[in-house]
C-alpha cells in the first residue's frame, strides 16, 4: 500500500529532466502538468538545469526546444560517478525490464 505523506524518492528536477528528454518540444505547461508542479516552479527548475548545463534551450520559431546533456554527473556528492543518462534509463525502464526485483 502506498503512503500519502507527500514525499517521493525522485525530485521534481529529475522528473522534469526525464520528461524533457522524452519530450524535447514540450511546453512548460505540459511539463508542469505531467510532473504535478506549477508552471512557475517548472520555469525555475528549467532555469536551474540550463544554468548548470544539464539542459540546452534553443528557440524554434516561438517555441523552445530542449536538449539534455546525458554525459553530466548527478549533482549529489555521493552520486557524482552516476551520469544523467543512467538516471534517465532507470526512470524510463518498465517494471518488466528490472532484474532481481
N, C-alpha and C. Protein backbone atom coordinates (compact mmCIF):
# COMPACT_ATOMS: atom_id res chain seq x y z
N UNK A 1 0.84 -1.18 0.00
CA UNK A 1 0.00 0.00 0.00
C UNK A 1 0.88 1.25 0.00
N UNK A 2 0.54 2.22 -0.82
CA UNK A 2 1.31 3.45 -0.91
C UNK A 2 0.90 4.43 0.17
N UNK A 3 1.88 5.14 0.68
CA UNK A 3 1.65 6.18 1.68
C UNK A 3 1.20 7.46 0.99
N UNK A 4 0.45 8.26 1.68
CA UNK A 4 0.01 9.54 1.14
C UNK A 4 0.65 10.70 1.89
N UNK A 5 1.85 10.49 2.42
CA UNK A 5 2.51 11.51 3.23
C UNK A 5 3.05 12.68 2.43
N UNK A 6 3.13 12.58 1.11
CA UNK A 6 3.52 13.72 0.29
C UNK A 6 4.93 13.73 -0.24
N UNK A 7 5.82 12.91 0.29
CA UNK A 7 7.18 12.94 -0.23
C UNK A 7 7.40 11.81 -1.22
N UNK A 8 8.40 11.98 -2.08
CA UNK A 8 8.74 10.96 -3.08
C UNK A 8 10.26 10.78 -3.11
N UNK A 9 10.70 9.71 -3.73
CA UNK A 9 12.13 9.45 -3.86
C UNK A 9 12.77 10.26 -4.98
N UNK A 10 12.02 10.65 -5.96
CA UNK A 10 12.56 11.32 -7.13
C UNK A 10 12.20 12.81 -7.06
N UNK A 11 13.19 13.66 -7.22
CA UNK A 11 12.97 15.11 -7.13
C UNK A 11 12.24 15.63 -8.37
N UNK A 12 11.65 16.80 -8.22
CA UNK A 12 11.00 17.45 -9.36
C UNK A 12 12.01 17.81 -10.44
N UNK A 13 13.25 18.10 -10.06
CA UNK A 13 14.29 18.36 -11.06
C UNK A 13 14.52 17.11 -11.91
N UNK A 14 14.63 15.96 -11.28
CA UNK A 14 14.86 14.71 -12.02
C UNK A 14 13.66 14.38 -12.91
N UNK A 15 12.46 14.55 -12.39
CA UNK A 15 11.26 14.27 -13.19
C UNK A 15 11.15 15.21 -14.38
N UNK A 16 11.47 16.47 -14.17
CA UNK A 16 11.45 17.45 -15.26
C UNK A 16 12.50 17.10 -16.31
N UNK A 17 13.70 16.79 -15.87
CA UNK A 17 14.77 16.41 -16.78
C UNK A 17 14.37 15.19 -17.61
N UNK A 18 13.81 14.19 -16.97
CA UNK A 18 13.38 12.98 -17.67
C UNK A 18 12.27 13.29 -18.68
N UNK A 19 11.31 14.11 -18.29
CA UNK A 19 10.21 14.44 -19.20
C UNK A 19 10.75 15.21 -20.41
N UNK A 20 11.64 16.16 -20.18
CA UNK A 20 12.21 16.93 -21.28
C UNK A 20 13.01 16.01 -22.22
N UNK A 21 13.73 15.05 -21.67
CA UNK A 21 14.48 14.12 -22.50
C UNK A 21 13.56 13.41 -23.49
N UNK A 22 12.41 12.98 -23.02
CA UNK A 22 11.48 12.23 -23.87
C UNK A 22 10.56 13.13 -24.68
N UNK A 23 10.46 14.40 -24.31
CA UNK A 23 9.53 15.33 -24.97
C UNK A 23 10.24 16.68 -25.17
N UNK A 24 11.24 16.75 -26.04
CA UNK A 24 12.06 17.95 -26.14
C UNK A 24 11.35 19.20 -26.66
N UNK A 25 10.19 19.05 -27.26
CA UNK A 25 9.46 20.21 -27.76
C UNK A 25 8.27 20.57 -26.87
N UNK A 26 8.20 19.98 -25.71
CA UNK A 26 7.07 20.22 -24.81
C UNK A 26 7.10 21.64 -24.25
N UNK A 27 5.92 22.12 -23.87
CA UNK A 27 5.81 23.45 -23.27
C UNK A 27 5.94 23.34 -21.75
N UNK A 28 6.18 24.46 -21.12
CA UNK A 28 6.25 24.47 -19.65
C UNK A 28 4.93 24.00 -19.05
N UNK A 29 3.85 24.32 -19.69
CA UNK A 29 2.53 23.88 -19.21
C UNK A 29 2.42 22.35 -19.26
N UNK A 30 2.86 21.76 -20.35
CA UNK A 30 2.82 20.29 -20.47
C UNK A 30 3.73 19.64 -19.43
N UNK A 31 4.91 20.21 -19.25
CA UNK A 31 5.85 19.66 -18.27
C UNK A 31 5.26 19.75 -16.88
N UNK A 32 4.74 20.91 -16.52
CA UNK A 32 4.20 21.10 -15.17
C UNK A 32 3.02 20.18 -14.91
N UNK A 33 2.19 20.00 -15.91
CA UNK A 33 1.03 19.10 -15.75
C UNK A 33 1.50 17.67 -15.52
N UNK A 34 2.48 17.22 -16.27
CA UNK A 34 2.97 15.85 -16.14
C UNK A 34 3.64 15.62 -14.79
N UNK A 35 4.50 16.55 -14.39
CA UNK A 35 5.27 16.39 -13.15
C UNK A 35 4.39 16.64 -11.93
N UNK A 36 3.36 17.49 -12.09
CA UNK A 36 2.48 17.80 -10.97
C UNK A 36 2.95 18.99 -10.16
N UNK A 37 3.53 19.97 -10.86
CA UNK A 37 4.01 21.19 -10.23
C UNK A 37 3.46 22.39 -10.99
N UNK A 38 3.64 23.57 -10.44
CA UNK A 38 3.14 24.78 -11.10
C UNK A 38 4.05 25.15 -12.28
N UNK A 39 3.51 25.96 -13.18
CA UNK A 39 4.32 26.44 -14.31
C UNK A 39 5.48 27.30 -13.81
N UNK A 40 5.24 28.07 -12.76
CA UNK A 40 6.31 28.91 -12.19
C UNK A 40 7.45 28.04 -11.65
N UNK A 41 7.11 26.96 -10.96
CA UNK A 41 8.13 26.04 -10.46
C UNK A 41 8.86 25.38 -11.62
N UNK A 42 8.12 25.00 -12.65
CA UNK A 42 8.73 24.41 -13.84
C UNK A 42 9.72 25.37 -14.46
N UNK A 43 9.35 26.64 -14.56
CA UNK A 43 10.23 27.66 -15.12
C UNK A 43 11.53 27.74 -14.31
N UNK A 44 11.41 27.73 -12.99
CA UNK A 44 12.59 27.82 -12.12
C UNK A 44 13.47 26.58 -12.26
N UNK A 45 12.86 25.41 -12.34
CA UNK A 45 13.62 24.17 -12.48
C UNK A 45 14.37 24.15 -13.81
N UNK A 46 13.69 24.52 -14.89
CA UNK A 46 14.35 24.56 -16.20
C UNK A 46 15.49 25.56 -16.18
N UNK A 47 15.28 26.71 -15.54
CA UNK A 47 16.36 27.71 -15.43
C UNK A 47 17.55 27.13 -14.69
N UNK A 48 17.32 26.41 -13.59
CA UNK A 48 18.40 25.75 -12.85
C UNK A 48 19.16 24.78 -13.75
N UNK A 49 18.41 23.97 -14.48
CA UNK A 49 19.02 22.95 -15.34
C UNK A 49 19.81 23.57 -16.48
N UNK A 50 19.33 24.69 -17.02
CA UNK A 50 20.03 25.39 -18.09
C UNK A 50 21.33 26.01 -17.56
N UNK A 51 21.25 26.69 -16.42
CA UNK A 51 22.44 27.34 -15.84
C UNK A 51 23.55 26.32 -15.57
N UNK A 52 23.18 25.14 -15.11
CA UNK A 52 24.18 24.12 -14.77
C UNK A 52 24.60 23.26 -15.97
N UNK A 53 24.00 23.51 -17.15
CA UNK A 53 24.40 22.80 -18.36
C UNK A 53 23.71 21.48 -18.62
N UNK A 54 22.76 21.11 -17.78
CA UNK A 54 22.05 19.84 -17.97
C UNK A 54 21.06 19.92 -19.12
N UNK A 55 20.55 21.12 -19.37
CA UNK A 55 19.59 21.35 -20.45
C UNK A 55 20.10 22.49 -21.31
N UNK A 56 20.01 22.29 -22.62
CA UNK A 56 20.29 23.34 -23.59
C UNK A 56 18.95 23.74 -24.19
N UNK A 57 18.67 25.04 -24.14
CA UNK A 57 17.39 25.55 -24.65
C UNK A 57 17.68 26.39 -25.89
N UNK A 58 16.93 26.09 -26.95
CA UNK A 58 17.05 26.92 -28.15
C UNK A 58 15.65 27.21 -28.68
N UNK A 59 15.55 28.27 -29.41
CA UNK A 59 14.27 28.69 -29.97
C UNK A 59 14.05 28.02 -31.31
N UNK A 60 12.81 27.65 -31.55
CA UNK A 60 12.37 27.17 -32.85
C UNK A 60 11.07 27.92 -33.14
N UNK A 61 11.19 29.01 -33.87
CA UNK A 61 10.03 29.89 -34.04
C UNK A 61 9.71 30.55 -32.71
N UNK A 62 8.47 30.39 -32.26
CA UNK A 62 8.05 30.97 -30.98
C UNK A 62 8.22 29.99 -29.82
N UNK A 63 8.60 28.76 -30.12
CA UNK A 63 8.68 27.72 -29.11
C UNK A 63 10.12 27.42 -28.71
N UNK A 64 10.27 26.81 -27.56
CA UNK A 64 11.56 26.32 -27.11
C UNK A 64 11.70 24.85 -27.47
N UNK A 65 12.91 24.46 -27.79
CA UNK A 65 13.26 23.06 -27.98
C UNK A 65 14.41 22.80 -27.01
N UNK A 66 14.30 21.71 -26.27
CA UNK A 66 15.27 21.40 -25.23
C UNK A 66 16.11 20.20 -25.63
N UNK A 67 17.34 20.21 -25.15
CA UNK A 67 18.24 19.07 -25.35
C UNK A 67 18.93 18.81 -24.02
N UNK A 68 19.02 17.55 -23.64
CA UNK A 68 19.65 17.14 -22.39
C UNK A 68 21.10 16.73 -22.68
N UNK A 69 22.00 17.09 -21.77
CA UNK A 69 23.37 16.56 -21.86
C UNK A 69 23.43 15.32 -20.97
N UNK A 70 23.36 14.14 -21.56
CA UNK A 70 23.31 12.90 -20.77
C UNK A 70 24.65 12.51 -20.15
N UNK A 71 25.71 13.20 -20.50
CA UNK A 71 27.04 12.82 -20.03
C UNK A 71 27.50 13.58 -18.80
N UNK A 72 26.63 14.38 -18.21
CA UNK A 72 26.97 15.09 -16.98
C UNK A 72 26.66 14.21 -15.78
N UNK A 73 27.42 14.38 -14.70
CA UNK A 73 27.16 13.58 -13.50
C UNK A 73 26.00 14.13 -12.69
N UNK A 74 25.41 13.26 -11.87
CA UNK A 74 24.39 13.72 -10.93
C UNK A 74 25.03 14.69 -9.95
N UNK A 75 24.24 15.55 -9.35
CA UNK A 75 24.78 16.64 -8.54
C UNK A 75 25.05 16.29 -7.08
N UNK A 76 24.54 15.20 -6.59
CA UNK A 76 24.79 14.88 -5.18
C UNK A 76 26.21 14.35 -5.02
N UNK A 77 26.92 14.83 -4.00
CA UNK A 77 28.34 14.49 -3.85
C UNK A 77 28.59 12.99 -3.67
N UNK A 78 27.59 12.23 -3.27
CA UNK A 78 27.78 10.78 -3.13
C UNK A 78 27.42 10.01 -4.40
N UNK A 79 26.92 10.72 -5.40
CA UNK A 79 26.49 10.07 -6.64
C UNK A 79 27.10 10.69 -7.89
N UNK A 80 28.23 11.37 -7.73
CA UNK A 80 28.86 12.05 -8.86
C UNK A 80 29.39 11.09 -9.92
N UNK A 81 29.52 9.81 -9.59
CA UNK A 81 30.00 8.84 -10.58
C UNK A 81 28.87 8.35 -11.49
N UNK A 82 27.65 8.72 -11.18
CA UNK A 82 26.50 8.31 -11.98
C UNK A 82 26.14 9.43 -12.95
N UNK A 83 26.01 9.07 -14.22
CA UNK A 83 25.70 10.05 -15.26
C UNK A 83 24.18 10.22 -15.42
N UNK A 84 23.80 11.37 -15.94
CA UNK A 84 22.39 11.66 -16.20
C UNK A 84 21.76 10.57 -17.06
N UNK A 85 22.50 10.05 -18.02
CA UNK A 85 21.97 9.00 -18.90
C UNK A 85 21.51 7.78 -18.11
N UNK A 86 22.23 7.46 -17.04
CA UNK A 86 21.85 6.31 -16.21
C UNK A 86 20.57 6.59 -15.43
N UNK A 87 20.42 7.82 -14.96
CA UNK A 87 19.19 8.21 -14.27
C UNK A 87 18.00 8.12 -15.22
N UNK A 88 18.16 8.67 -16.41
CA UNK A 88 17.07 8.63 -17.40
C UNK A 88 16.72 7.19 -17.75
N UNK A 89 17.73 6.37 -17.91
CA UNK A 89 17.49 4.95 -18.21
C UNK A 89 16.69 4.29 -17.08
N UNK A 90 17.06 4.57 -15.84
CA UNK A 90 16.36 3.99 -14.69
C UNK A 90 14.92 4.50 -14.60
N UNK A 91 14.71 5.78 -14.86
CA UNK A 91 13.36 6.34 -14.78
C UNK A 91 12.49 5.89 -15.95
N UNK A 92 13.11 5.48 -17.02
CA UNK A 92 12.38 5.06 -18.22
C UNK A 92 12.06 3.57 -18.22
N UNK A 93 12.84 2.79 -17.49
CA UNK A 93 12.69 1.34 -17.51
C UNK A 93 11.29 0.92 -17.08
N UNK A 94 10.79 -0.05 -17.76
CA UNK A 94 9.49 -0.66 -17.39
C UNK A 94 9.74 -1.69 -16.30
N UNK A 95 8.73 -2.00 -15.55
CA UNK A 95 8.89 -2.95 -14.44
C UNK A 95 9.36 -4.32 -14.95
N UNK A 96 9.05 -4.66 -16.20
CA UNK A 96 9.48 -5.93 -16.75
C UNK A 96 10.96 -5.91 -17.12
N UNK A 97 11.57 -4.72 -17.20
CA UNK A 97 12.99 -4.59 -17.53
C UNK A 97 13.88 -4.84 -16.33
N UNK A 98 13.33 -4.73 -15.13
CA UNK A 98 14.14 -4.85 -13.92
C UNK A 98 14.49 -6.30 -13.64
N UNK A 99 15.73 -6.49 -13.23
CA UNK A 99 16.21 -7.84 -12.91
C UNK A 99 16.44 -7.92 -11.42
N UNK A 100 15.98 -8.99 -10.80
CA UNK A 100 16.25 -9.22 -9.38
C UNK A 100 15.43 -8.38 -8.44
N UNK A 101 14.33 -7.84 -8.92
CA UNK A 101 13.47 -7.03 -8.04
C UNK A 101 12.28 -7.83 -7.63
